[in-house]
Amino acid sequence: MSQEKTTPKLEADEAAITQPVSPQDGRSVNYTREQEARVVKKLDWNLMTLFFVLYMLAFLDRSNIGNARIAGLATDLDVNSVRYQWLLNMFYITYVVFEFGVLMWKIFPPHIVGAIVVFGWGLIATVQSGTHTWGGMMALRFFLGAFEACYGPGIIYLLSFFYLRHEIGFRCGIFASAAPLASTFAGCLAYGITSGHPRLANWRLLFLVEGLPTIVMSVFAFFFIADSPEKARFLTAEEKDIVRSRAMRQVGTDANARIGLVKLKDVALVLVDLKAWLCGLMYFCGNVTYSSLPAFLPTILQDMGYTAINAQGLSAPPSFLAFLCALITTWIADKTQQRCLVIFVTCVIGGVGYIVLATVDTVGVRYFATFLASAGVFSTIPNILGLTLNNQGSDSRRGMSIVLINLIGQCGPFLGNTVYPTNEAPRYVKGMSICAGFMFFSALLALAQRVLLMWENSRLDRKYGPVSKDRTDSEPDDVAQENYGPKFRFVL
């Protein structure tokens, strides 16, 4: 292998890793950091790209109700402020009820689960264009929430089967950053659709145009979602040996063995784990704002004095900044392994943005504050997901922890969707203040979580002795590092 372009840092890292590839045979595989990095890059290009596009479509189909509202849906279906809040809440009621569907990604082949889920929500999202009553829209939002509940949290869980713990946070960031990017495109796309005068009502055309691509993508989900790293068709035989070795390093078993039944004991232990509950509370706080901002941002901008058309377009720049910040903050958290501190900073930024929105009258300053609010909110969520996955020591516990934080966290939208009633326009002082309060409370919870994790690590150090803080260190007996054991330490 040529080393001509290898940086000095990489040259220092180039010592071969020797690890077993399977607990059943005695074979070991030798590979360099550079070879492992190429495998990870392949996983990124082939899996993360697909997951990203699908989640972008999911978020688009979930939140375009906000764009549809000011494009004529409110008038045509007689949707007042209270009825609109119920349309939003109905989605999250089923999102919470069907949250245990996350575990289906472990029990059944992921490519089958993925294809069914994607097709289901795509069909429902498209059919919304044909509804003629508020009750019919309520029914469709019910089913939309059921299908989407199995996708977003399920993919976050699935990522833990492909990536190591110092890699998972940034991949959560890539995945979750599809949400603000979808909001960016939602504004631009809605602007393009609603600025014309088609025979079909603008809001109906919006649902149709944004729903049909999801149905098409369900075919890609079936053929291109890999059930495990070992079954990824885009990897060579040599690269599959490397992913087998990574699975051994991660959980002490081959990747294929990780798909199957969950351990009920581990599921129960998550329910009494304070760390999981703190993550759930942070997720709740984040979701109060995360759910409401995309749905209400066009309305907030319209109430600042912009026309409905301009409000659609002006909602795009804050969302694009949020997309960039979600990537940057999760990358920093992976590199530093200081997730709680990163969450603290993002929550404070979001909280400051909401305070400005609540207290300032100047339109230009308030528009700037939407950038702060968007960047803080959309950066907080993926970092909480990474923190949750990092600090559970088995596949079943990681899966149940994702279920738990969503059971708690997805109740946040029930509050978030009620804080912007139309009779409080254009300032929405109470709604902005509530969102600011929850962002600051989440920041305090992040600090409390960090103190708890530091205490847990000190207790483990006293029991097993200190471990190297260099995550790149690897020895032949370094197996099951991400399951509870002598070398397991919590990520701060």
Protein backbone atom coordinates (compact mmCIF):
# COMPACT_ATOMS: atom_id res chain seq x y z
CA MET A 1 0.00 0.00 0.00
CA SER A 2 1.47 3.36 -1.01
CA GLN A 3 2.23 5.76 1.82
CA GLU A 4 3.27 8.72 -0.36
CA LYS A 5 0.31 10.91 0.60
CA THR A 6 0.13 9.85 4.23
CA THR A 7 0.28 12.71 6.70
CA PRO A 8 2.70 12.55 9.65
CA LYS A 9 -0.25 11.98 12.00
CA LEU A 10 -1.39 9.04 9.90
CA GLU A 11 2.12 7.63 9.69
CA ALA A 12 2.25 7.55 13.45
CA ASP A 13 -1.07 5.73 13.44
CA GLU A 14 -0.15 3.23 10.75
CA ALA A 15 0.78 0.32 13.04
CA ALA A 16 -1.33 -2.62 12.00
CA ILE A 17 -4.31 -3.58 14.13
CA THR A 18 -4.53 -7.30 14.83
CA GLN A 19 -7.87 -8.54 16.01
CA PRO A 20 -10.06 -11.66 15.71
CA VAL A 21 -12.76 -11.59 13.08
CA SER A 22 -15.07 -14.15 14.68
CA PRO A 23 -15.53 -15.75 18.09
CA GLN A 24 -16.03 -19.14 16.40
CA ASP A 25 -12.70 -19.45 14.59
CA GLY A 26 -9.16 -18.50 15.42
CA ARG A 27 -8.58 -16.24 12.43
CA SER A 28 -7.26 -12.75 12.95
CA VAL A 29 -7.13 -9.87 10.53
CA ASN A 30 -4.37 -7.29 10.18
CA TYR A 31 -5.27 -3.87 8.86
CA THR A 32 -4.12 -0.28 9.15
CA ARG A 33 -5.98 2.79 10.32
CA GLU A 34 -6.03 3.98 6.73
CA GLN A 35 -7.75 0.78 5.55
CA GLU A 36 -10.31 1.08 8.36
CA ALA A 37 -10.92 4.73 7.45
CA ARG A 38 -11.64 3.70 3.85
CA VAL A 39 -14.21 1.18 5.06
CA VAL A 40 -15.90 3.81 7.23
CA LYS A 41 -15.95 6.19 4.27
CA LYS A 42 -17.65 3.50 2.17
CA LEU A 43 -20.25 3.02 4.88
CA ASP A 44 -20.82 6.77 4.91
CA TRP A 45 -21.27 7.14 1.17
CA ASN A 46 -23.48 4.09 0.74
CA LEU A 47 -25.55 4.13 3.94
CA MET A 48 -25.52 7.64 5.36
CA THR A 49 -26.40 9.15 1.98
CA LEU A 50 -29.49 6.94 1.72
CA PHE A 51 -30.52 7.44 5.35
CA PHE A 52 -30.00 11.20 5.00
CA VAL A 53 -32.17 11.50 1.90
CA LEU A 54 -34.93 9.38 3.44
CA TYR A 55 -34.97 11.39 6.66
CA MET A 56 -35.01 14.62 4.69
CA LEU A 57 -38.13 13.35 2.93
CA ALA A 58 -39.60 12.19 6.25
CA PHE A 59 -39.13 15.59 7.85
CA LEU A 60 -40.45 17.29 4.74
CA ASP A 61 -43.59 15.15 4.79
CA ARG A 62 -44.04 15.72 8.51
CA SER A 63 -43.55 19.48 8.68
CA ASN A 64 -44.91 20.72 5.35
CA ILE A 65 -48.23 21.13 7.12
CA GLY A 66 -46.86 24.54 8.21
CA ASN A 67 -46.24 25.62 4.62
CA ALA A 68 -49.58 24.17 3.52
CA ARG A 69 -51.38 26.12 6.25
CA ILE A 70 -50.43 29.53 4.86
CA ALA A 71 -50.83 28.27 1.27
CA GLY A 72 -54.59 27.85 1.62
CA LEU A 73 -55.18 24.70 3.67
CA ALA A 74 -56.49 26.70 6.64
CA THR A 75 -59.15 28.33 4.47
CA ASP A 76 -60.16 25.29 2.40
CA LEU A 77 -60.47 22.87 5.35
CA ASP A 78 -61.68 25.45 7.89
CA VAL A 79 -58.61 24.94 10.09
CA ASN A 80 -58.44 27.51 12.89
CA SER A 81 -55.60 27.77 15.43
CA VAL A 82 -57.00 25.05 17.71
CA ARG A 83 -57.66 22.63 14.83
CA TYR A 84 -54.17 23.23 13.45
CA GLN A 85 -52.66 22.39 16.83
CA TRP A 86 -54.62 19.14 16.81
CA LEU A 87 -53.26 18.27 13.37
CA LEU A 88 -49.76 18.65 14.77
CA ASN A 89 -50.54 16.80 18.00
CA MET A 90 -52.19 13.85 16.26
CA PHE A 91 -48.92 13.09 14.49
CA TYR A 92 -47.02 12.98 17.78
CA ILE A 93 -49.66 10.95 19.62
CA THR A 94 -49.05 8.02 17.30
CA TYR A 95 -45.33 8.83 17.13
CA VAL A 96 -45.19 8.10 20.86
CA VAL A 97 -47.56 5.11 20.82
CA PHE A 98 -45.63 3.32 18.07
CA GLU A 99 -42.17 4.11 19.44
CA PHE A 100 -41.47 0.49 20.34
CA GLY A 101 -41.32 -0.13 16.60
CA VAL A 102 -37.68 0.94 16.93
CA LEU A 103 -36.84 -2.54 18.20
CA MET A 104 -38.15 -4.05 14.96
CA TRP A 105 -34.87 -2.98 13.34
CA LYS A 106 -33.08 -5.51 15.55
CA ILE A 107 -35.67 -8.30 15.38
CA PHE A 108 -36.31 -8.31 11.61
CA PRO A 109 -34.03 -7.69 8.60
CA PRO A 110 -33.56 -3.91 8.41
CA HIS A 111 -34.02 -3.71 4.63
CA ILE A 112 -37.55 -5.15 4.96
CA VAL A 113 -38.47 -2.91 7.89
CA GLY A 114 -37.08 0.12 6.08
CA ALA A 115 -38.93 -0.52 2.83
CA ILE A 116 -42.30 -1.03 4.57
CA VAL A 117 -41.92 2.05 6.75
CA VAL A 118 -40.79 4.34 3.91
CA PHE A 119 -43.55 3.19 1.56
CA GLY A 120 -46.15 3.59 4.31
CA TRP A 121 -45.41 7.17 5.21
CA GLY A 122 -44.85 8.12 1.55
CA LEU A 123 -48.29 6.84 0.61
CA ILE A 124 -49.99 8.64 3.50
CA ALA A 125 -48.12 11.89 2.80
CA THR A 126 -49.22 11.80 -0.83
CA VAL A 127 -52.86 10.99 -0.04
CA GLN A 128 -53.03 14.14 2.12
CA SER A 129 -53.36 16.07 -1.14
CA GLY A 130 -56.80 14.54 -1.71
CA THR A 131 -58.45 15.18 1.62
CA HIS A 132 -61.46 17.52 1.83
CA THR A 133 -62.17 17.68 5.57
CA TRP A 134 -60.31 18.41 8.76
CA GLY A 135 -61.33 14.98 10.09
CA GLY A 136 -59.84 13.26 7.05
CA MET A 137 -56.58 15.14 7.54
CA MET A 138 -56.56 14.11 11.20
CA ALA A 139 -56.85 10.44 10.24
CA LEU A 140 -53.99 10.73 7.77
CA ARG A 141 -51.76 12.49 10.30
CA PHE A 142 -52.48 9.59 12.68
CA PHE A 143 -51.08 7.02 10.25
CA LEU A 144 -48.23 9.29 9.16
CA GLY A 145 -47.01 9.44 12.76
CA ALA A 146 -47.19 5.66 13.13
CA PHE A 147 -44.92 4.99 10.15
CA GLU A 148 -42.47 7.79 10.82
CA ALA A 149 -42.08 6.69 14.46
CA CYS A 150 -40.39 3.54 13.20
CA TYR A 151 -37.99 5.32 10.85
CA GLY A 152 -36.09 8.21 12.46
CA PRO A 153 -35.40 6.63 15.88
CA GLY A 154 -34.94 3.23 14.22
CA ILE A 155 -32.18 4.46 11.95
CA ILE A 156 -30.40 6.14 14.88
CA TYR A 157 -30.42 2.73 16.60
CA LEU A 158 -29.30 0.97 13.42
CA LEU A 159 -26.28 3.26 13.13
CA SER A 160 -24.89 1.76 16.35
CA PHE A 161 -24.54 -1.55 14.46
CA PHE A 162 -22.27 0.02 11.84
CA TYR A 163 -20.22 2.66 13.68
CA LEU A 164 -18.03 2.72 16.78
CA ARG A 165 -18.87 4.96 19.71
CA HIS A 166 -16.35 7.67 18.78
CA GLU A 167 -17.88 7.71 15.26
CA ILE A 168 -21.57 7.53 16.05
CA GLY A 169 -22.16 11.12 17.16
CA PHE A 170 -21.14 12.70 13.86
CA ARG A 171 -23.29 10.16 11.98
CA CYS A 172 -26.24 11.11 14.18
CA GLY A 173 -25.43 14.67 13.19
CA ILE A 174 -25.36 13.82 9.49
CA PHE A 175 -28.67 12.01 9.80
CA ALA A 176 -30.44 14.61 11.95
CA SER A 177 -29.09 17.51 9.88
CA ALA A 178 -31.44 16.34 7.14
CA ALA A 179 -34.24 17.94 9.19
CA PRO A 180 -33.06 21.56 8.93
CA LEU A 181 -31.98 20.96 5.34
CA ALA A 182 -35.48 19.68 4.63
CA SER A 183 -36.80 22.87 6.21
CA THR A 184 -34.54 24.83 3.87
CA PHE A 185 -35.91 23.03 0.84
CA ALA A 186 -39.43 23.19 2.27
CA GLY A 187 -39.26 26.95 2.21
CA CYS A 188 -37.76 27.11 -1.28
CA LEU A 189 -40.00 24.41 -2.70
CA ALA A 190 -43.11 25.84 -1.09
CA TYR A 191 -42.13 29.24 -2.44
CA GLY A 192 -41.91 27.83 -5.95
CA ILE A 193 -45.18 25.91 -5.73
CA THR A 194 -47.28 28.52 -3.98
CA SER A 195 -46.06 31.42 -6.11
CA GLY A 196 -47.87 30.03 -9.16
CA HIS A 197 -51.57 29.68 -9.93
CA PRO A 198 -52.17 26.02 -10.81
CA ARG A 199 -55.65 24.56 -11.26
CA LEU A 200 -55.00 22.38 -8.23
CA ALA A 201 -54.95 24.22 -4.92
CA ASN A 202 -51.41 25.21 -3.97
CA TRP A 203 -51.41 23.26 -0.72
CA ARG A 204 -52.68 20.11 -2.46
CA LEU A 205 -49.93 20.35 -5.05
CA LEU A 206 -47.42 20.83 -2.24
CA PHE A 207 -48.40 17.53 -0.56
CA LEU A 208 -48.39 15.75 -3.93
CA VAL A 209 -45.00 16.99 -5.07
CA GLU A 210 -43.33 16.26 -1.73
CA GLY A 211 -45.01 12.90 -1.09
CA LEU A 212 -44.48 11.02 -4.36
CA PRO A 213 -40.64 10.92 -4.18
CA THR A 214 -40.87 9.06 -0.85
CA ILE A 215 -42.87 6.25 -2.47
CA VAL A 216 -40.18 5.92 -5.14
CA MET A 217 -37.43 5.86 -2.50
CA SER A 218 -39.01 2.86 -0.75
CA VAL A 219 -37.64 0.72 -3.60
CA PHE A 220 -34.14 2.02 -2.90
CA ALA A 221 -34.64 1.30 0.80
CA PHE A 222 -35.44 -2.34 0.06
CA PHE A 223 -32.41 -2.94 -2.14
CA PHE A 224 -29.76 -0.71 -0.55
CA ILE A 225 -30.26 -0.80 3.23
CA ALA A 226 -27.72 -3.37 4.47
CA ASP A 227 -28.92 -5.73 7.19
CA SER A 228 -25.46 -5.68 8.78
CA PRO A 229 -21.94 -4.54 7.83
CA GLU A 230 -21.08 -8.11 6.82
CA LYS A 231 -23.97 -8.19 4.34
CA ALA A 232 -23.14 -4.87 2.71
CA ARG A 233 -22.81 -5.61 -1.00
CA PHE A 234 -20.58 -2.60 -1.58
CA LEU A 235 -17.79 -4.03 0.62
CA THR A 236 -15.09 -6.40 -0.65
CA ALA A 237 -14.21 -9.65 1.14
CA GLU A 238 -11.18 -7.98 2.72
CA GLU A 239 -13.29 -5.05 3.88
CA LYS A 240 -15.87 -7.41 5.37
CA ASP A 241 -13.10 -8.94 7.47
CA ILE A 242 -12.37 -5.46 8.77
CA VAL A 243 -16.02 -4.82 9.71
CA ARG A 244 -16.12 -8.22 11.43
CA SER A 245 -13.08 -7.16 13.42
CA ARG A 246 -14.75 -3.85 14.24
CA ALA A 247 -17.83 -5.72 15.49
CA MET A 248 -15.60 -7.84 17.73
CA ARG A 249 -13.91 -4.71 19.04
CA GLN A 250 -17.32 -3.15 19.59
CA VAL A 251 -19.48 -5.89 21.17
CA GLY A 252 -17.45 -9.13 21.10
CA THR A 253 -19.49 -10.92 18.43
CA ASP A 254 -19.83 -10.91 14.66
CA ALA A 255 -22.14 -8.35 13.07
CA ASN A 256 -24.74 -10.86 11.82
CA ALA A 257 -25.30 -12.23 15.33
CA ARG A 258 -26.47 -8.80 16.47
CA ILE A 259 -29.73 -9.05 14.51
CA GLY A 260 -32.30 -11.05 16.48
CA LEU A 261 -34.29 -10.95 19.69
CA VAL A 262 -33.78 -8.31 22.36
CA LYS A 263 -32.81 -9.17 25.93
CA LEU A 264 -35.73 -8.31 28.20
CA LYS A 265 -33.46 -7.97 31.24
CA ASP A 266 -31.48 -5.23 29.48
CA VAL A 267 -34.71 -3.53 28.44
CA ALA A 268 -35.85 -3.46 32.07
CA LEU A 269 -32.49 -2.12 33.30
CA VAL A 270 -32.79 0.93 31.05
CA LEU A 271 -36.03 1.87 32.82
CA VAL A 272 -34.15 2.28 36.13
CA ASP A 273 -31.11 4.03 34.65
CA LEU A 274 -30.96 7.68 35.72
CA LYS A 275 -28.65 8.53 32.81
CA ALA A 276 -31.26 7.41 30.29
CA TRP A 277 -33.97 9.44 32.02
CA LEU A 278 -31.80 12.57 32.04
CA CYS A 279 -31.26 12.15 28.29
CA GLY A 280 -35.01 11.72 27.92
CA LEU A 281 -35.69 14.95 29.81
CA MET A 282 -33.15 16.83 27.68
CA TYR A 283 -34.80 15.36 24.60
CA PHE A 284 -38.20 16.51 25.87
CA CYS A 285 -36.91 20.06 26.29
CA GLY A 286 -35.33 20.03 22.85
CA ASN A 287 -38.46 18.68 21.20
CA VAL A 288 -40.66 21.44 22.62
CA THR A 289 -38.77 23.73 20.27
CA TYR A 290 -37.61 21.23 17.63
CA SER A 291 -41.18 20.27 16.69
CA SER A 292 -42.68 23.73 16.70
CA LEU A 293 -40.01 25.80 14.96
CA PRO A 294 -40.31 24.29 11.42
CA ALA A 295 -44.10 24.20 11.63
CA PHE A 296 -44.49 27.77 12.84
CA LEU A 297 -41.45 29.58 11.38
CA PRO A 298 -43.24 30.58 8.13
CA THR A 299 -46.17 31.88 10.20
CA ILE A 300 -43.84 33.75 12.58
CA LEU A 301 -42.10 35.42 9.64
CA GLN A 302 -45.44 36.26 8.01
CA ASP A 303 -46.56 37.90 11.24
CA MET A 304 -43.39 40.02 11.21
CA GLY A 305 -44.92 41.75 8.19
CA TYR A 306 -43.68 39.65 5.28
CA THR A 307 -46.09 38.32 2.68
CA ALA A 308 -46.93 34.62 2.76
CA ILE A 309 -44.75 34.05 -0.32
CA ASN A 310 -41.73 35.89 1.11
CA ALA A 311 -42.18 34.18 4.47
CA GLN A 312 -41.78 30.80 2.74
CA GLY A 313 -38.50 31.90 1.17
CA LEU A 314 -37.11 33.67 4.24
CA SER A 315 -37.53 30.54 6.38
CA ALA A 316 -34.79 28.84 4.32
CA PRO A 317 -31.58 30.67 5.45
CA PRO A 318 -32.02 30.01 9.22
CA SER A 319 -32.67 26.35 8.47
CA PHE A 320 -29.55 26.08 6.32
CA LEU A 321 -27.42 27.52 9.11
CA ALA A 322 -28.96 24.96 11.47
CA PHE A 323 -27.96 22.21 9.01
CA LEU A 324 -24.32 23.34 9.11
CA CYS A 325 -24.29 23.72 12.89
CA ALA A 326 -25.69 20.23 13.43
CA LEU A 327 -22.75 18.81 11.47
CA ILE A 328 -20.11 21.00 13.10
CA THR A 329 -21.20 20.47 16.70
CA THR A 330 -21.51 16.69 16.45
CA TRP A 331 -18.09 16.51 14.78
CA ILE A 332 -16.61 18.54 17.63
CA ALA A 333 -18.34 16.32 20.21
CA ASP A 334 -16.91 13.18 18.56
CA LYS A 335 -13.39 14.62 18.46
CA THR A 336 -13.42 15.90 22.02
CA GLN A 337 -15.72 13.26 23.54
CA GLN A 338 -17.32 16.10 25.51
CA ARG A 339 -20.93 15.78 24.43
CA CYS A 340 -22.53 17.31 27.52
CA LEU A 341 -20.51 20.52 27.18
CA VAL A 342 -21.43 20.78 23.50
CA ILE A 343 -25.11 20.31 24.38
CA PHE A 344 -24.80 23.02 27.03
CA VAL A 345 -23.45 25.50 24.47
CA THR A 346 -26.05 24.70 21.79
CA CYS A 347 -28.89 25.01 24.31
CA VAL A 348 -27.65 28.41 25.50
CA ILE A 349 -27.40 29.67 21.90
CA GLY A 350 -30.95 28.51 21.17
CA GLY A 351 -32.24 30.00 24.41
CA VAL A 352 -30.67 33.39 23.66
CA GLY A 353 -32.33 33.37 20.25
CA TYR A 354 -35.75 32.83 21.80
CA ILE A 355 -35.18 35.55 24.40
CA VAL A 356 -34.43 38.04 21.62
CA LEU A 357 -37.57 36.95 19.76
CA ALA A 358 -39.62 37.48 22.91
CA THR A 359 -38.22 40.88 23.89
CA VAL A 360 -37.28 42.77 20.71
CA ASP A 361 -39.65 44.54 18.31
CA THR A 362 -37.23 45.35 15.47
CA VAL A 363 -37.96 43.05 12.52
CA GLY A 364 -34.34 42.74 11.38
CA VAL A 365 -33.10 41.79 14.85
CA ARG A 366 -35.94 39.31 15.29
CA TYR A 367 -35.10 37.70 11.97
CA PHE A 368 -31.46 37.38 13.10
CA ALA A 369 -32.72 35.71 16.29
CA THR A 370 -34.41 32.99 14.21
CA PHE A 371 -30.89 32.03 13.07
CA LEU A 372 -29.75 31.63 16.68
CA ALA A 373 -32.86 29.67 17.66
CA SER A 374 -32.63 27.36 14.64
CA ALA A 375 -28.89 26.71 15.06
CA GLY A 376 -29.26 25.95 18.78
CA VAL A 377 -32.33 23.74 18.52
CA PHE A 378 -31.27 21.63 15.55
CA SER A 379 -27.75 21.13 16.96
CA THR A 380 -28.96 20.01 20.37
CA ILE A 381 -31.07 17.06 19.21
CA PRO A 382 -28.37 14.98 17.40
CA ASN A 383 -25.91 15.53 20.24
CA ILE A 384 -28.44 14.14 22.72
CA LEU A 385 -28.89 11.09 20.49
CA GLY A 386 -25.14 10.48 20.38
CA LEU A 387 -24.88 10.88 24.15
CA THR A 388 -27.68 8.35 24.65
CA LEU A 389 -26.11 5.68 22.44
CA ASN A 390 -22.63 6.20 23.89
CA ASN A 391 -23.64 5.47 27.45
CA GLN A 392 -25.51 2.18 27.22
CA GLY A 393 -23.46 -1.03 27.28
CA SER A 394 -25.37 -3.52 25.10
CA ASP A 395 -27.35 -3.58 21.87
CA SER A 396 -30.63 -4.20 23.68
CA ARG A 397 -29.95 -1.37 26.12
CA ARG A 398 -29.02 1.01 23.31
CA GLY A 399 -32.25 0.15 21.52
CA MET A 400 -34.41 0.56 24.61
CA SER A 401 -32.68 3.82 25.52
CA ILE A 402 -33.69 5.24 22.12
CA VAL A 403 -37.25 4.06 22.77
CA LEU A 404 -37.25 5.63 26.25
CA ILE A 405 -35.92 9.04 25.25
CA ASN A 406 -38.48 9.18 22.45
CA LEU A 407 -41.34 8.12 24.73
CA ILE A 408 -40.39 11.04 26.97
CA GLY A 409 -39.07 13.43 24.36
CA GLN A 410 -41.83 13.13 21.78
CA CYS A 411 -44.28 14.37 24.41
CA GLY A 412 -42.51 17.72 24.06
CA PRO A 413 -44.31 18.54 20.80
CA PHE A 414 -47.67 18.38 22.60
CA LEU A 415 -46.55 21.50 24.44
CA GLY A 416 -44.53 22.98 21.59
CA ASN A 417 -47.45 22.84 19.19
CA THR A 418 -49.67 24.90 21.49
CA VAL A 419 -47.39 27.84 22.30
CA TYR A 420 -48.04 29.89 19.14
CA PRO A 421 -51.80 30.61 19.05
CA THR A 422 -52.79 33.11 16.38
CA ASN A 423 -54.31 35.50 18.94
CA GLU A 424 -50.79 36.16 20.31
CA ALA A 425 -49.35 37.24 16.95
CA PRO A 426 -47.09 38.87 15.95
CA ARG A 427 -44.75 38.68 18.98
CA TYR A 428 -45.79 35.33 20.47
CA VAL A 429 -44.10 36.45 23.70
CA LYS A 430 -45.42 33.56 25.80
CA GLY A 431 -44.41 30.93 23.23
CA MET A 432 -40.92 32.37 22.77
CA SER A 433 -40.44 32.58 26.54
CA ILE A 434 -41.52 28.98 27.06
CA CYS A 435 -39.11 27.75 24.39
CA ALA A 436 -36.27 29.81 25.88
CA GLY A 437 -36.98 28.37 29.33
CA PHE A 438 -36.84 24.80 28.10
CA MET A 439 -33.59 25.40 26.21
CA PHE A 440 -31.94 26.78 29.34
CA PHE A 441 -33.34 23.95 31.47
CA SER A 442 -31.86 21.46 28.98
CA ALA A 443 -28.49 23.20 29.38
CA LEU A 444 -28.66 22.66 33.16
CA LEU A 445 -29.62 19.01 32.66
CA ALA A 446 -26.57 18.56 30.41
CA LEU A 447 -24.31 19.79 33.19
CA ALA A 448 -26.04 17.51 35.72
CA GLN A 449 -25.60 14.56 33.33
CA ARG A 450 -21.89 15.34 32.99
CA VAL A 451 -21.41 15.38 36.77
CA LEU A 452 -23.19 12.02 37.06
CA LEU A 453 -21.09 10.48 34.28
CA MET A 454 -17.85 11.75 35.85
CA TRP A 455 -18.87 10.14 39.13
CA GLU A 456 -19.69 6.86 37.36
CA ASN A 457 -16.30 6.86 35.60
CA SER A 458 -14.42 7.52 38.82
CA ARG A 459 -16.24 4.59 40.41
CA LEU A 460 -15.25 2.34 37.48
CA ASP A 461 -11.64 3.55 37.72
CA ARG A 462 -11.53 2.60 41.38
CA LYS A 463 -12.94 -0.83 40.57
CA TYR A 464 -10.93 -1.74 37.44
CA GLY A 465 -8.13 0.80 37.36
CA PRO A 466 -7.80 3.74 34.93
CA VAL A 467 -7.92 3.16 31.18
CA SER A 468 -6.18 4.99 28.35
CA LYS A 469 -8.00 8.10 27.21
CA ASP A 470 -6.69 7.62 23.66
CA ARG A 471 -9.60 6.06 21.85
CA THR A 472 -7.32 4.94 18.97
CA ASP A 473 -5.36 2.58 21.17
CA SER A 474 -6.08 -1.00 20.17
CA GLU A 475 -4.72 -4.31 21.34
CA PRO A 476 -5.49 -7.88 20.23
CA ASP A 477 -7.61 -8.47 23.32
CA ASP A 478 -9.60 -5.27 22.88
CA VAL A 479 -13.00 -6.90 22.34
CA ALA A 480 -16.46 -5.81 23.42
CA GLN A 481 -15.18 -2.33 24.32
CA GLU A 482 -18.65 -0.84 23.95
CA ASN A 483 -20.34 -3.37 26.21
CA TYR A 484 -20.10 -3.13 29.98
CA GLY A 485 -16.77 -4.47 31.22
CA PRO A 486 -13.37 -3.43 32.67
CA LYS A 487 -12.57 -1.09 29.76
CA PHE A 488 -16.00 0.50 29.40
CA ARG A 489 -16.16 4.17 30.40
CA PHE A 490 -18.98 6.64 29.93
CA VAL A 491 -18.63 9.46 27.42
CA LEU A 492 -18.92 12.86 29.05
